[in-house]
Amino acid sequence: MRISIIGGGGWGLALAKLLAENQHDVLVWEYNPDFLDSLNQYRSNPVLLKDIVLPDTVSFTDSFATVAEHRSDLILLATPSQFVRSTLRNIQPSVAEKIWLSPKLKAILNVAKGIEQNTLKTIDKILEEELPPAVHDKICVLSGPSHAEEVAKGLPTTVVIAGSDEKLLIILQAVFSNQYFRAYRSLDITGVEIGGAVKNIIAIAAGIVSGLGFGDNTMGALLTRGIVEISRLGETMQAWPETFLGLSGIGDLITTAISPHSRNRSVGFQIGQGKSLSEIQSSMKMVAEGVETTRSVYQLAQKLNIDMPIVSQVYEILYNGKDPHLAMRDLMLRELKAEF
C-alpha cells in the first residue's frame, strides 16, 4: 500500500517504521521544521524516538500537496487530538479534495487518543464533521497497549482497529500485523475511542498515587475503579461493555498507568511529588493527551450526569490546584455503596 501519515510525532514515526518494515510505501507529513530537517538529514528524531532510524522507504514532507500527489491507499492521522480539527482545516480545499476523494483511498485511520475541548466529541465524530460524507464509512481508529518507544524497537504487542466496515478492518489487520505487532478488529468505534481517551486520565491518577508514595494495593484499587468509570461513560454513549475488558480498555489502561514511557503517568507522578502543572508542561517536549482530556471528560460527565469520582478529583488537582492528599481522602470517604 501507499500510506501517508499526518503527524510525525513519536507514535506517527513508530508506525511509519512498522509499516515500512511491512513493505509499504510510507510518506510522513510533519509541520515542525526542526523535526522535519532532522528526519530528512538523519532519518530520525532523537528528541521523540531515541536511537531509532527509519527505513529508506519512508519519505518526509511539510506539504499537503505532496500528500495529495502520493495518492494514498491509507491515511493515518497521528496529530494530538486537540489539533486534529485545525490540522484538517489548514489543508487548502482544492488539495483536500484530492486527498480525501481520491479513488485510491481505502481508509482513514485515527491513532490519536482524546476528547476535543469545547465540543466534547470523540475524534471519529470530528472526522465526520470535517471530511466529505463520501468517506465517512472509511473512518477507523487504532488503539491498545502500544507505546511508541517499544513498537519502534519491535517489542511484541497487540492492538485493536475499529470501524464500521468489517471487510475494510480485515484488510487493515493484514496491513499492520507482523511478528511483533498483532491487530484485532472491532465494530465498536465509540468504545475504542472512549477507552483510549479516558485511560489517559486514570494514568495521570496512577502517577499521582505513585508520586505520593502509595503502594500496590492503592494502584490495584485505582485501576479497577478506573475501568468502571471508563465503562460508565462508554456505555452511556452506546459503546459495547465488552470493549472495556479488551485491548483499548483494560489493556491500554494497565500499560499507560504503569509504564515509564507514559507521558500521562509522568505528569501525575510529578504532581504527586509536589510540582505544579504549568511547571511540568513547560519542561515537556511531547503532549500528554490526558491533561486536556481531563477537562473534556469532566465536562462530558457533568453534561451526561455520570458519576466519575476519579476523573473529578484529577480535574480538581489539575485545574483548581487541589492538594492530592486531600483528593485521595475525599475519594476514600465518599458514601459507601455496592460495587456494581
C-alpha atoms as a PDB file:
ATOM      1  CA  MET A   1       0.000   0.000   0.000  1.00  0.00           C
ATOM      2  CA  ARG A   2       0.873   3.673  -0.377  1.00  0.00           C
ATOM      3  CA  ILE A   3       0.376   5.205   3.065  1.00  0.00           C
ATOM      4  CA  SER A   4       0.507   8.812   4.279  1.00  0.00           C
ATOM      5  CA  ILE A   5       0.903   9.634   7.969  1.00  0.00           C
ATOM      6  CA  ILE A   6      -0.207  13.124   9.005  1.00  0.00           C
ATOM      7  CA  GLY A   7       1.845  13.838  12.117  1.00  0.00           C
ATOM      8  CA  GLY A   8       5.486  12.922  12.662  1.00  0.00           C
ATOM      9  CA  GLY A   9       5.413  12.636  16.444  1.00  0.00           C
ATOM     10  CA  GLY A  10       6.751   9.593  18.243  1.00  0.00           C
ATOM     11  CA  TRP A  11       3.704   7.442  17.512  1.00  0.00           C
ATOM     12  CA  GLY A  12       3.494   8.502  13.882  1.00  0.00           C
ATOM     13  CA  LEU A  13       7.185   7.682  13.364  1.00  0.00           C
ATOM     14  CA  ALA A  14       6.921   4.328  15.141  1.00  0.00           C
ATOM     15  CA  LEU A  15       4.037   3.367  12.873  1.00  0.00           C
ATOM     16  CA  ALA A  16       5.957   4.627   9.828  1.00  0.00           C
ATOM     17  CA  LYS A  17       8.797   2.259  10.727  1.00  0.00           C
ATOM     18  CA  LEU A  18       6.392  -0.636  11.302  1.00  0.00           C
ATOM     19  CA  LEU A  19       4.551  -0.092   8.023  1.00  0.00           C
ATOM     20  CA  ALA A  20       7.777   0.315   6.047  1.00  0.00           C
ATOM     21  CA  GLU A  21       9.041  -2.960   7.522  1.00  0.00           C
ATOM     22  CA  ASN A  22       5.761  -4.481   6.317  1.00  0.00           C
ATOM     23  CA  GLN A  23       6.821  -3.447   2.782  1.00  0.00           C
ATOM     24  CA  HIS A  24       4.517  -0.428   2.404  1.00  0.00           C
ATOM     25  CA  ASP A  25       5.453   2.887   0.764  1.00  0.00           C
ATOM     26  CA  VAL A  26       5.207   5.478   3.571  1.00  0.00           C
ATOM     27  CA  LEU A  27       5.116   9.296   3.485  1.00  0.00           C
ATOM     28  CA  VAL A  28       5.166  11.279   6.746  1.00  0.00           C
ATOM     29  CA  TRP A  29       3.841  14.841   6.924  1.00  0.00           C
ATOM     30  CA  GLU A  30       5.460  16.879   9.735  1.00  0.00           C
ATOM     31  CA  TYR A  31       4.847  20.586  10.426  1.00  0.00           C
ATOM     32  CA  ASN A  32       7.781  21.267  12.797  1.00  0.00           C
ATOM     33  CA  PRO A  33      10.679  22.497  10.590  1.00  0.00           C
ATOM     34  CA  ASP A  34      13.384  21.387  13.021  1.00  0.00           C
ATOM     35  CA  PHE A  35      11.932  17.903  13.286  1.00  0.00           C
ATOM     36  CA  LEU A  36      11.462  17.717   9.513  1.00  0.00           C
ATOM     37  CA  ASP A  37      15.083  18.759   8.939  1.00  0.00           C
ATOM     38  CA  SER A  38      16.298  16.031  11.308  1.00  0.00           C
ATOM     39  CA  LEU A  39      14.132  13.439   9.565  1.00  0.00           C
ATOM     40  CA  ASN A  40      15.352  14.431   6.108  1.00  0.00           C
ATOM     41  CA  GLN A  41      19.028  14.519   7.133  1.00  0.00           C
ATOM     42  CA  TYR A  42      19.304  11.620   9.540  1.00  0.00           C
ATOM     43  CA  ARG A  43      16.036   9.659   9.109  1.00  0.00           C
ATOM     44  CA  SER A  44      15.490  10.007  12.850  1.00  0.00           C
ATOM     45  CA  ASN A  45      14.182  12.304  15.557  1.00  0.00           C
ATOM     46  CA  PRO A  46      16.230  11.666  18.710  1.00  0.00           C
ATOM     47  CA  VAL A  47      14.018  14.074  20.675  1.00  0.00           C
ATOM     48  CA  LEU A  48      10.981  11.830  20.200  1.00  0.00           C
ATOM     49  CA  LEU A  49      12.432   8.359  19.473  1.00  0.00           C
ATOM     50  CA  LYS A  50      15.966   7.926  20.722  1.00  0.00           C
ATOM     51  CA  ASP A  51      18.247   5.574  18.740  1.00  0.00           C
ATOM     52  CA  ILE A  52      15.570   4.800  16.116  1.00  0.00           C
ATOM     53  CA  VAL A  53      16.464   5.199  12.425  1.00  0.00           C
ATOM     54  CA  LEU A  54      13.656   4.922   9.883  1.00  0.00           C
ATOM     55  CA  PRO A  55      13.948   2.750   6.761  1.00  0.00           C
ATOM     56  CA  ASP A  56      14.897   4.283   3.425  1.00  0.00           C
ATOM     57  CA  THR A  57      11.394   3.600   2.100  1.00  0.00           C
ATOM     58  CA  VAL A  58       9.941   6.290   4.394  1.00  0.00           C
ATOM     59  CA  SER A  59       9.873   9.836   2.976  1.00  0.00           C
ATOM     60  CA  PHE A  60       9.045  13.150   4.660  1.00  0.00           C
ATOM     61  CA  THR A  61       7.280  16.403   3.750  1.00  0.00           C
ATOM     62  CA  ASP A  62       5.625  19.505   5.178  1.00  0.00           C
ATOM     63  CA  SER A  63       3.402  19.925   2.119  1.00  0.00           C
ATOM     64  CA  PHE A  64      -0.152  18.645   1.893  1.00  0.00           C
ATOM     65  CA  ALA A  65       0.160  18.955  -1.882  1.00  0.00           C
ATOM     66  CA  THR A  66       2.839  16.263  -1.688  1.00  0.00           C
ATOM     67  CA  VAL A  67       0.463  14.137   0.386  1.00  0.00           C
ATOM     68  CA  ALA A  68      -2.156  14.533  -2.350  1.00  0.00           C
ATOM     69  CA  GLU A  69       0.398  13.556  -5.017  1.00  0.00           C
ATOM     70  CA  HIS A  70       1.250  10.428  -3.014  1.00  0.00           C
ATOM     71  CA  ARG A  71      -2.218   9.066  -3.948  1.00  0.00           C
ATOM     72  CA  SER A  72      -2.525   7.090  -0.738  1.00  0.00           C
ATOM     73  CA  ASP A  73      -4.466   3.906  -0.166  1.00  0.00           C
ATOM     74  CA  LEU A  74      -4.432   4.648   3.575  1.00  0.00           C
ATOM     75  CA  ILE A  75      -4.099   7.897   5.539  1.00  0.00           C
ATOM     76  CA  LEU A  76      -3.155   7.828   9.224  1.00  0.00           C
ATOM     77  CA  LEU A  77      -3.995  10.805  11.421  1.00  0.00           C
ATOM     78  CA  ALA A  78      -1.318  10.940  14.124  1.00  0.00           C
ATOM     79  CA  THR A  79      -1.596  14.528  15.351  1.00  0.00           C
ATOM     80  CA  PRO A  80      -2.542  15.162  19.012  1.00  0.00           C
ATOM     81  CA  SER A  81      -6.309  15.027  19.490  1.00  0.00           C
ATOM     82  CA  GLN A  82      -6.704  18.750  20.225  1.00  0.00           C
ATOM     83  CA  PHE A  83      -5.108  19.610  16.855  1.00  0.00           C
ATOM     84  CA  VAL A  84      -6.952  17.157  14.593  1.00  0.00           C
ATOM     85  CA  ARG A  85      -9.658  19.602  13.538  1.00  0.00           C
ATOM     86  CA  SER A  86      -7.316  22.568  12.979  1.00  0.00           C
ATOM     87  CA  THR A  87      -4.876  20.416  11.014  1.00  0.00           C
ATOM     88  CA  LEU A  88      -7.630  19.256   8.666  1.00  0.00           C
ATOM     89  CA  ARG A  89      -8.918  22.803   8.255  1.00  0.00           C
ATOM     90  CA  ASN A  90      -5.435  24.037   7.319  1.00  0.00           C
ATOM     91  CA  ILE A  91      -5.429  21.904   4.174  1.00  0.00           C
ATOM     92  CA  GLN A  92      -6.238  24.035   1.139  1.00  0.00           C
ATOM     93  CA  PRO A  93      -9.714  22.993  -0.144  1.00  0.00           C
ATOM     94  CA  SER A  94      -8.519  22.026  -3.630  1.00  0.00           C
ATOM     95  CA  VAL A  95      -5.741  19.905  -2.095  1.00  0.00           C
ATOM     96  CA  ALA A  96      -8.093  18.400   0.492  1.00  0.00           C
ATOM     97  CA  GLU A  97     -10.423  17.276  -2.274  1.00  0.00           C
ATOM     98  CA  LYS A  98      -7.567  15.436  -3.989  1.00  0.00           C
ATOM     99  CA  ILE A  99      -6.574  13.743  -0.726  1.00  0.00           C
ATOM    100  CA  TRP A 100      -9.972  12.656   0.626  1.00  0.00           C
ATOM    101  CA  LEU A 101     -11.806  11.980  -2.633  1.00  0.00           C
ATOM    102  CA  SER A 102      -9.012  10.092  -4.335  1.00  0.00           C
ATOM    103  CA  PRO A 103     -10.428   6.909  -5.899  1.00  0.00           C
ATOM    104  CA  LYS A 104      -7.450   5.018  -4.436  1.00  0.00           C
ATOM    105  CA  LEU A 105      -8.197   5.905  -0.804  1.00  0.00           C
ATOM    106  CA  LYS A 106      -9.447   2.889   1.138  1.00  0.00           C
ATOM    107  CA  ALA A 107      -9.253   4.021   4.773  1.00  0.00           C
ATOM    108  CA  ILE A 108      -8.673   6.979   7.106  1.00  0.00           C
ATOM    109  CA  LEU A 109      -7.249   5.741  10.387  1.00  0.00           C
ATOM    110  CA  ASN A 110      -7.023   7.841  13.541  1.00  0.00           C
ATOM    111  CA  VAL A 111      -4.309   6.819  16.007  1.00  0.00           C
ATOM    112  CA  ALA A 112      -4.596   9.761  18.456  1.00  0.00           C
ATOM    113  CA  LYS A 113      -6.487   9.445  21.761  1.00  0.00           C
ATOM    114  CA  GLY A 114      -8.603  12.182  23.278  1.00  0.00           C
ATOM    115  CA  ILE A 115     -11.865  14.118  23.553  1.00  0.00           C
ATOM    116  CA  GLU A 116     -11.967  17.539  21.887  1.00  0.00           C
ATOM    117  CA  GLN A 117     -12.200  20.657  24.026  1.00  0.00           C
ATOM    118  CA  ASN A 118     -15.494  22.589  23.920  1.00  0.00           C
ATOM    119  CA  THR A 119     -17.299  20.241  21.524  1.00  0.00           C
ATOM    120  CA  LEU A 120     -16.646  17.201  23.776  1.00  0.00           C
ATOM    121  CA  LYS A 121     -16.527  15.000  20.664  1.00  0.00           C
ATOM    122  CA  THR A 122     -14.531  11.842  20.014  1.00  0.00           C
ATOM    123  CA  ILE A 123     -12.139  12.030  17.084  1.00  0.00           C
ATOM    124  CA  ASP A 124     -14.280   9.906  14.765  1.00  0.00           C
ATOM    125  CA  LYS A 125     -17.075  12.472  15.210  1.00  0.00           C
ATOM    126  CA  ILE A 126     -14.646  15.295  14.421  1.00  0.00           C
ATOM    127  CA  LEU A 127     -13.671  13.491  11.223  1.00  0.00           C
ATOM    128  CA  GLU A 128     -17.306  13.055  10.244  1.00  0.00           C
ATOM    129  CA  GLU A 129     -17.776  16.816  10.592  1.00  0.00           C
ATOM    130  CA  GLU A 130     -14.601  17.814   8.748  1.00  0.00           C
ATOM    131  CA  LEU A 131     -14.373  15.213   5.953  1.00  0.00           C
ATOM    132  CA  PRO A 132     -16.697  14.627   2.985  1.00  0.00           C
ATOM    133  CA  PRO A 133     -19.694  12.320   3.639  1.00  0.00           C
ATOM    134  CA  ALA A 134     -18.432  10.014   0.885  1.00  0.00           C
ATOM    135  CA  VAL A 135     -15.537   8.879   3.103  1.00  0.00           C
ATOM    136  CA  HIS A 136     -17.346   8.502   6.437  1.00  0.00           C
ATOM    137  CA  ASP A 137     -17.511   4.719   6.121  1.00  0.00           C
ATOM    138  CA  LYS A 138     -13.707   4.716   5.692  1.00  0.00           C
ATOM    139  CA  ILE A 139     -13.065   6.262   9.135  1.00  0.00           C
ATOM    140  CA  CYS A 140     -11.380   3.870  11.583  1.00  0.00           C
ATOM    141  CA  VAL A 141      -9.431   4.060  14.854  1.00  0.00           C
ATOM    142  CA  LEU A 142      -6.434   2.116  16.178  1.00  0.00           C
ATOM    143  CA  SER A 143      -5.848   1.781  19.923  1.00  0.00           C
ATOM    144  CA  GLY A 144      -4.368  -0.543  22.517  1.00  0.00           C
ATOM    145  CA  PRO A 145      -1.251  -1.039  24.668  1.00  0.00           C
ATOM    146  CA  SER A 146       1.296   0.393  22.262  1.00  0.00           C
ATOM    147  CA  HIS A 147       3.927   2.834  23.484  1.00  0.00           C
ATOM    148  CA  ALA A 148       5.795   4.263  20.509  1.00  0.00           C
ATOM    149  CA  GLU A 149       9.188   3.580  22.088  1.00  0.00           C
ATOM    150  CA  GLU A 150       8.510  -0.162  22.335  1.00  0.00           C
ATOM    151  CA  VAL A 151       6.774  -0.544  18.958  1.00  0.00           C
ATOM    152  CA  ALA A 152       9.731   1.197  17.295  1.00  0.00           C
ATOM    153  CA  LYS A 153      12.054  -1.385  18.894  1.00  0.00           C
ATOM    154  CA  GLY A 154       9.910  -4.279  17.653  1.00  0.00           C
ATOM    155  CA  LEU A 155       8.754  -5.421  21.098  1.00  0.00           C
ATOM    156  CA  PRO A 156       5.601  -7.568  20.824  1.00  0.00           C
ATOM    157  CA  THR A 157       2.142  -6.114  21.455  1.00  0.00           C
ATOM    158  CA  THR A 158      -1.445  -6.324  20.246  1.00  0.00           C
ATOM    159  CA  VAL A 159      -3.893  -3.558  19.294  1.00  0.00           C
ATOM    160  CA  VAL A 160      -7.460  -3.233  18.051  1.00  0.00           C
ATOM    161  CA  ILE A 161      -8.662  -1.474  14.907  1.00  0.00           C
ATOM    162  CA  ALA A 162     -12.312  -0.361  14.955  1.00  0.00           C
ATOM    163  CA  GLY A 163     -14.598   0.873  12.213  1.00  0.00           C
ATOM    164  CA  SER A 164     -17.970   0.300  10.562  1.00  0.00           C
ATOM    165  CA  ASP A 165     -16.883  -1.922   7.637  1.00  0.00           C
ATOM    166  CA  GLU A 166     -15.654  -5.366   8.682  1.00  0.00           C
ATOM    167  CA  LYS A 167     -14.198  -6.150   5.256  1.00  0.00           C
ATOM    168  CA  LEU A 168     -12.085  -2.989   5.479  1.00  0.00           C
ATOM    169  CA  LEU A 169     -10.996  -3.894   9.016  1.00  0.00           C
ATOM    170  CA  ILE A 170      -9.780  -7.290   7.811  1.00  0.00           C
ATOM    171  CA  ILE A 171      -7.644  -5.521   5.185  1.00  0.00           C
ATOM    172  CA  LEU A 172      -6.206  -3.156   7.803  1.00  0.00           C
ATOM    173  CA  GLN A 173      -5.380  -6.046  10.119  1.00  0.00           C
ATOM    174  CA  ALA A 174      -3.197  -7.512   7.392  1.00  0.00           C
ATOM    175  CA  VAL A 175      -1.572  -4.140   6.659  1.00  0.00           C
ATOM    176  CA  PHE A 176      -0.349  -3.699  10.243  1.00  0.00           C
ATOM    177  CA  SER A 177       0.223  -7.203  11.577  1.00  0.00           C
ATOM    178  CA  ASN A 178       3.625  -8.893  11.713  1.00  0.00           C
ATOM    179  CA  GLN A 179       5.731 -10.938  14.121  1.00  0.00           C
ATOM    180  CA  TYR A 180       5.739  -8.230  16.807  1.00  0.00           C
ATOM    181  CA  PHE A 181       2.520  -6.289  16.117  1.00  0.00           C
ATOM    182  CA  ARG A 182      -0.833  -8.099  16.037  1.00  0.00           C
ATOM    183  CA  ALA A 183      -4.077  -6.285  15.175  1.00  0.00           C
ATOM    184  CA  TYR A 184      -7.559  -7.401  16.206  1.00  0.00           C
ATOM    185  CA  ARG A 185     -10.736  -5.820  14.816  1.00  0.00           C
ATOM    186  CA  SER A 186     -13.909  -4.366  16.335  1.00  0.00           C
ATOM    187  CA  LEU A 187     -17.105  -2.723  15.118  1.00  0.00           C
ATOM    188  CA  ASP A 188     -17.346  -0.665  18.331  1.00  0.00           C
ATOM    189  CA  ILE A 189     -15.580   2.515  17.263  1.00  0.00           C
ATOM    190  CA  THR A 190     -17.164   4.558  20.083  1.00  0.00           C
ATOM    191  CA  GLY A 191     -15.935   2.165  22.766  1.00  0.00           C
ATOM    192  CA  VAL A 192     -12.415   2.061  21.345  1.00  0.00           C
ATOM    193  CA  GLU A 193     -12.297   5.880  21.159  1.00  0.00           C
ATOM    194  CA  ILE A 194     -13.589   6.295  24.732  1.00  0.00           C
ATOM    195  CA  GLY A 195     -11.245   3.670  26.181  1.00  0.00           C
ATOM    196  CA  GLY A 196      -8.209   5.187  24.500  1.00  0.00           C
ATOM    197  CA  ALA A 197      -9.076   8.701  25.645  1.00  0.00           C
ATOM    198  CA  VAL A 198     -10.201   8.222  29.243  1.00  0.00           C
ATOM    199  CA  LYS A 199      -7.448   5.788  30.256  1.00  0.00           C
ATOM    200  CA  ASN A 200      -5.030   8.720  29.976  1.00  0.00           C
ATOM    201  CA  ILE A 201      -6.842  10.439  32.849  1.00  0.00           C
ATOM    202  CA  ILE A 202      -6.657   7.331  35.024  1.00  0.00           C
ATOM    203  CA  ALA A 203      -2.954   7.113  34.122  1.00  0.00           C
ATOM    204  CA  ILE A 204      -2.453  10.627  35.484  1.00  0.00           C
ATOM    205  CA  ALA A 205      -4.175   9.458  38.677  1.00  0.00           C
ATOM    206  CA  ALA A 206      -1.874   6.423  38.762  1.00  0.00           C
ATOM    207  CA  GLY A 207       1.137   8.699  38.503  1.00  0.00           C
ATOM    208  CA  ILE A 208      -0.170  10.835  41.357  1.00  0.00           C
ATOM    209  CA  VAL A 209      -0.646   7.711  43.503  1.00  0.00           C
ATOM    210  CA  SER A 210       2.965   6.674  42.829  1.00  0.00           C
ATOM    211  CA  GLY A 211       4.275  10.173  43.385  1.00  0.00           C
ATOM    212  CA  LEU A 212       2.556  10.313  46.753  1.00  0.00           C
ATOM    213  CA  GLY A 213       4.294   7.104  47.755  1.00  0.00           C
ATOM    214  CA  PHE A 214       1.226   4.883  47.995  1.00  0.00           C
ATOM    215  CA  GLY A 215       1.516   1.139  47.361  1.00  0.00           C
ATOM    216  CA  ASP A 216       0.400  -1.698  45.133  1.00  0.00           C
ATOM    217  CA  ASN A 217      -2.949  -2.047  46.903  1.00  0.00           C
ATOM    218  CA  THR A 218      -3.756   1.559  46.075  1.00  0.00           C
ATOM    219  CA  MET A 219      -2.736   1.113  42.447  1.00  0.00           C
ATOM    220  CA  GLY A 220      -4.782  -2.062  42.005  1.00  0.00           C
ATOM    221  CA  ALA A 221      -7.831  -0.395  43.505  1.00  0.00           C
ATOM    222  CA  LEU A 222      -7.376   2.716  41.373  1.00  0.00           C
ATOM    223  CA  LEU A 223      -7.117   0.837  38.078  1.00  0.00           C
ATOM    224  CA  THR A 224     -10.094  -1.377  38.918  1.00  0.00           C
ATOM    225  CA  ARG A 225     -12.326   1.560  39.771  1.00  0.00           C
ATOM    226  CA  GLY A 226     -10.858   3.472  36.840  1.00  0.00           C
ATOM    227  CA  ILE A 227     -12.088   0.947  34.304  1.00  0.00           C
ATOM    228  CA  VAL A 228     -15.517   1.170  35.967  1.00  0.00           C
ATOM    229  CA  GLU A 229     -15.599   4.896  35.250  1.00  0.00           C
ATOM    230  CA  ILE A 230     -14.435   4.390  31.664  1.00  0.00           C
ATOM    231  CA  SER A 231     -17.178   1.792  31.188  1.00  0.00           C
ATOM    232  CA  ARG A 232     -19.859   4.059  32.669  1.00  0.00           C
ATOM    233  CA  LEU A 233     -19.074   6.812  30.196  1.00  0.00           C
ATOM    234  CA  GLY A 234     -18.717   4.459  27.254  1.00  0.00           C
ATOM    235  CA  GLU A 235     -21.925   2.545  27.856  1.00  0.00           C
ATOM    236  CA  THR A 236     -23.849   5.805  28.276  1.00  0.00           C
ATOM    237  CA  MET A 237     -22.543   6.716  24.817  1.00  0.00           C
ATOM    238  CA  GLN A 238     -23.798   3.362  23.441  1.00  0.00           C
ATOM    239  CA  ALA A 239     -20.453   1.546  23.427  1.00  0.00           C
ATOM    240  CA  TRP A 240     -20.210  -2.206  23.940  1.00  0.00           C
ATOM    241  CA  PRO A 241     -19.477  -3.237  27.559  1.00  0.00           C
ATOM    242  CA  GLU A 242     -17.012  -5.936  26.481  1.00  0.00           C
ATOM    243  CA  THR A 243     -14.828  -3.376  24.684  1.00  0.00           C
ATOM    244  CA  PHE A 244     -13.592  -2.060  28.027  1.00  0.00           C
ATOM    245  CA  LEU A 245     -12.340  -5.509  29.017  1.00  0.00           C
ATOM    246  CA  GLY A 246     -10.261  -5.582  25.840  1.00  0.00           C
ATOM    247  CA  LEU A 247      -7.143  -4.002  24.386  1.00  0.00           C
ATOM    248  CA  SER A 248      -8.408  -0.428  24.153  1.00  0.00           C
ATOM    249  CA  GLY A 249      -9.838  -0.642  27.674  1.00  0.00           C
ATOM    250  CA  ILE A 250      -8.090  -2.537  30.442  1.00  0.00           C
ATOM    251  CA  GLY A 251      -5.123  -3.429  28.207  1.00  0.00           C
ATOM    252  CA  ASP A 252      -4.236   0.145  27.324  1.00  0.00           C
ATOM    253  CA  LEU A 253      -5.079   1.353  30.837  1.00  0.00           C
ATOM    254  CA  ILE A 254      -2.668  -1.022  32.570  1.00  0.00           C
ATOM    255  CA  THR A 255       0.157  -0.187  30.170  1.00  0.00           C
ATOM    256  CA  THR A 256      -0.285   3.571  30.382  1.00  0.00           C
ATOM    257  CA  ALA A 257      -0.699   3.564  34.168  1.00  0.00           C
ATOM    258  CA  ILE A 258       2.472   1.614  34.986  1.00  0.00           C
ATOM    259  CA  SER A 259       4.924   2.379  32.177  1.00  0.00           C
ATOM    260  CA  PRO A 260       7.905   4.747  32.475  1.00  0.00           C
ATOM    261  CA  HIS A 261       7.225   5.642  28.819  1.00  0.00           C
ATOM    262  CA  SER A 262       3.813   7.116  29.704  1.00  0.00           C
ATOM    263  CA  ARG A 263       3.734  10.905  29.496  1.00  0.00           C
ATOM    264  CA  ASN A 264       0.412  10.959  31.344  1.00  0.00           C
ATOM    265  CA  ARG A 265       1.737   8.877  34.216  1.00  0.00           C
ATOM    266  CA  SER A 266       4.810  11.117  34.331  1.00  0.00           C
ATOM    267  CA  VAL A 267       2.662  14.241  34.669  1.00  0.00           C
ATOM    268  CA  GLY A 268       0.772  12.639  37.555  1.00  0.00           C
ATOM    269  CA  PHE A 269       3.929  11.410  39.250  1.00  0.00           C
ATOM    270  CA  GLN A 270       5.468  14.868  39.223  1.00  0.00           C
ATOM    271  CA  ILE A 271       2.281  16.374  40.617  1.00  0.00           C
ATOM    272  CA  GLY A 272       2.360  13.779  43.390  1.00  0.00           C
ATOM    273  CA  GLN A 273       5.930  14.895  44.062  1.00  0.00           C
ATOM    274  CA  GLY A 274       4.781  18.482  44.506  1.00  0.00           C
ATOM    275  CA  LYS A 275       5.339  20.139  41.108  1.00  0.00           C
ATOM    276  CA  SER A 276       2.727  22.385  39.504  1.00  0.00           C
ATOM    277  CA  LEU A 277       1.070  21.529  36.177  1.00  0.00           C
ATOM    278  CA  SER A 278       2.484  24.642  34.477  1.00  0.00           C
ATOM    279  CA  GLU A 279       5.979  23.767  35.664  1.00  0.00           C
ATOM    280  CA  ILE A 280       5.639  20.219  34.333  1.00  0.00           C
ATOM    281  CA  GLN A 281       4.213  21.199  30.946  1.00  0.00           C
ATOM    282  CA  SER A 282       6.873  23.848  30.333  1.00  0.00           C
ATOM    283  CA  SER A 283       9.550  21.139  30.516  1.00  0.00           C
ATOM    284  CA  MET A 284       7.796  18.578  28.275  1.00  0.00           C
ATOM    285  CA  LYS A 285       8.788  18.037  24.643  1.00  0.00           C
ATOM    286  CA  MET A 286       5.697  15.948  23.825  1.00  0.00           C
ATOM    287  CA  VAL A 287       1.971  16.266  24.526  1.00  0.00           C
ATOM    288  CA  ALA A 288       0.361  14.435  27.438  1.00  0.00           C
ATOM    289  CA  GLU A 289      -3.112  13.944  25.947  1.00  0.00           C
ATOM    290  CA  GLY A 290      -4.719  13.219  29.316  1.00  0.00           C
ATOM    291  CA  VAL A 291      -4.282  16.782  30.620  1.00  0.00           C
ATOM    292  CA  GLU A 292      -6.685  18.368  28.131  1.00  0.00           C
ATOM    293  CA  THR A 293      -8.837  15.245  28.011  1.00  0.00           C
ATOM    294  CA  THR A 294      -9.398  15.513  31.772  1.00  0.00           C
ATOM    295  CA  ARG A 295     -11.218  18.790  31.296  1.00  0.00           C
ATOM    296  CA  SER A 296     -13.238  17.474  28.353  1.00  0.00           C
ATOM    297  CA  VAL A 297     -14.279  14.257  30.088  1.00  0.00           C
ATOM    298  CA  TYR A 298     -15.090  16.073  33.334  1.00  0.00           C
ATOM    299  CA  GLN A 299     -17.419  18.388  31.389  1.00  0.00           C
ATOM    300  CA  LEU A 300     -18.876  15.456  29.447  1.00  0.00           C
ATOM    301  CA  ALA A 301     -19.611  13.561  32.672  1.00  0.00           C
ATOM    302  CA  GLN A 302     -21.337  16.648  34.069  1.00  0.00           C
ATOM    303  CA  LYS A 303     -23.375  17.018  30.881  1.00  0.00           C
ATOM    304  CA  LEU A 304     -24.437  13.351  30.859  1.00  0.00           C
ATOM    305  CA  ASN A 305     -24.866  13.163  34.660  1.00  0.00           C
ATOM    306  CA  ILE A 306     -22.373  10.313  35.047  1.00  0.00           C
ATOM    307  CA  ASP A 307     -20.598   9.642  38.347  1.00  0.00           C
ATOM    308  CA  MET A 308     -16.832   9.674  37.644  1.00  0.00           C
ATOM    309  CA  PRO A 309     -15.183  10.438  41.002  1.00  0.00           C
ATOM    310  CA  ILE A 310     -11.592   9.673  39.955  1.00  0.00           C
ATOM    311  CA  VAL A 311     -11.896  11.888  36.881  1.00  0.00           C
ATOM    312  CA  SER A 312     -13.448  14.611  39.049  1.00  0.00           C
ATOM    313  CA  GLN A 313     -10.581  14.545  41.545  1.00  0.00           C
ATOM    314  CA  VAL A 314      -7.933  14.602  38.795  1.00  0.00           C
ATOM    315  CA  TYR A 315      -9.753  17.603  37.315  1.00  0.00           C
ATOM    316  CA  GLU A 316      -9.714  19.371  40.699  1.00  0.00           C
ATOM    317  CA  ILE A 317      -5.990  18.675  41.101  1.00  0.00           C
ATOM    318  CA  LEU A 318      -5.027  19.811  37.586  1.00  0.00           C
ATOM    319  CA  TYR A 319      -7.293  22.822  37.180  1.00  0.00           C
ATOM    320  CA  ASN A 320      -8.202  24.001  40.669  1.00  0.00           C
ATOM    321  CA  GLY A 321      -4.946  23.240  42.463  1.00  0.00           C
ATOM    322  CA  LYS A 322      -6.445  20.759  44.916  1.00  0.00           C
ATOM    323  CA  ASP A 323      -3.967  19.030  47.189  1.00  0.00           C
ATOM    324  CA  PRO A 324      -3.546  15.403  46.010  1.00  0.00           C
ATOM    325  CA  HIS A 325      -3.626  14.088  49.595  1.00  0.00           C
ATOM    326  CA  LEU A 326      -6.984  15.790  50.123  1.00  0.00           C
ATOM    327  CA  ALA A 327      -8.258  14.387  46.805  1.00  0.00           C
ATOM    328  CA  MET A 328      -7.345  10.865  47.924  1.00  0.00           C
ATOM    329  CA  ARG A 329      -9.059  11.381  51.277  1.00  0.00           C
ATOM    330  CA  ASP A 330     -12.214  12.629  49.563  1.00  0.00           C
ATOM    331  CA  LEU A 331     -12.246   9.581  47.270  1.00  0.00           C
ATOM    332  CA  MET A 332     -11.919   7.214  50.219  1.00  0.00           C
ATOM    333  CA  LEU A 333     -14.569   8.907  52.384  1.00  0.00           C
ATOM    334  CA  ARG A 334     -17.349   9.076  49.805  1.00  0.00           C
ATOM    335  CA  GLU A 335     -20.708   7.480  50.613  1.00  0.00           C
ATOM    336  CA  LEU A 336     -20.401   3.691  50.815  1.00  0.00           C
ATOM    337  CA  LYS A 337     -22.149   1.712  48.079  1.00  0.00           C
ATOM    338  CA  ALA A 338     -22.396  -1.671  46.341  1.00  0.00           C
ATOM    339  CA  GLU A 339     -19.527  -2.481  43.982  1.00  0.00           C
ATOM    340  CA  PHE A 340     -21.763  -2.860  40.908  1.00  0.00           C
END
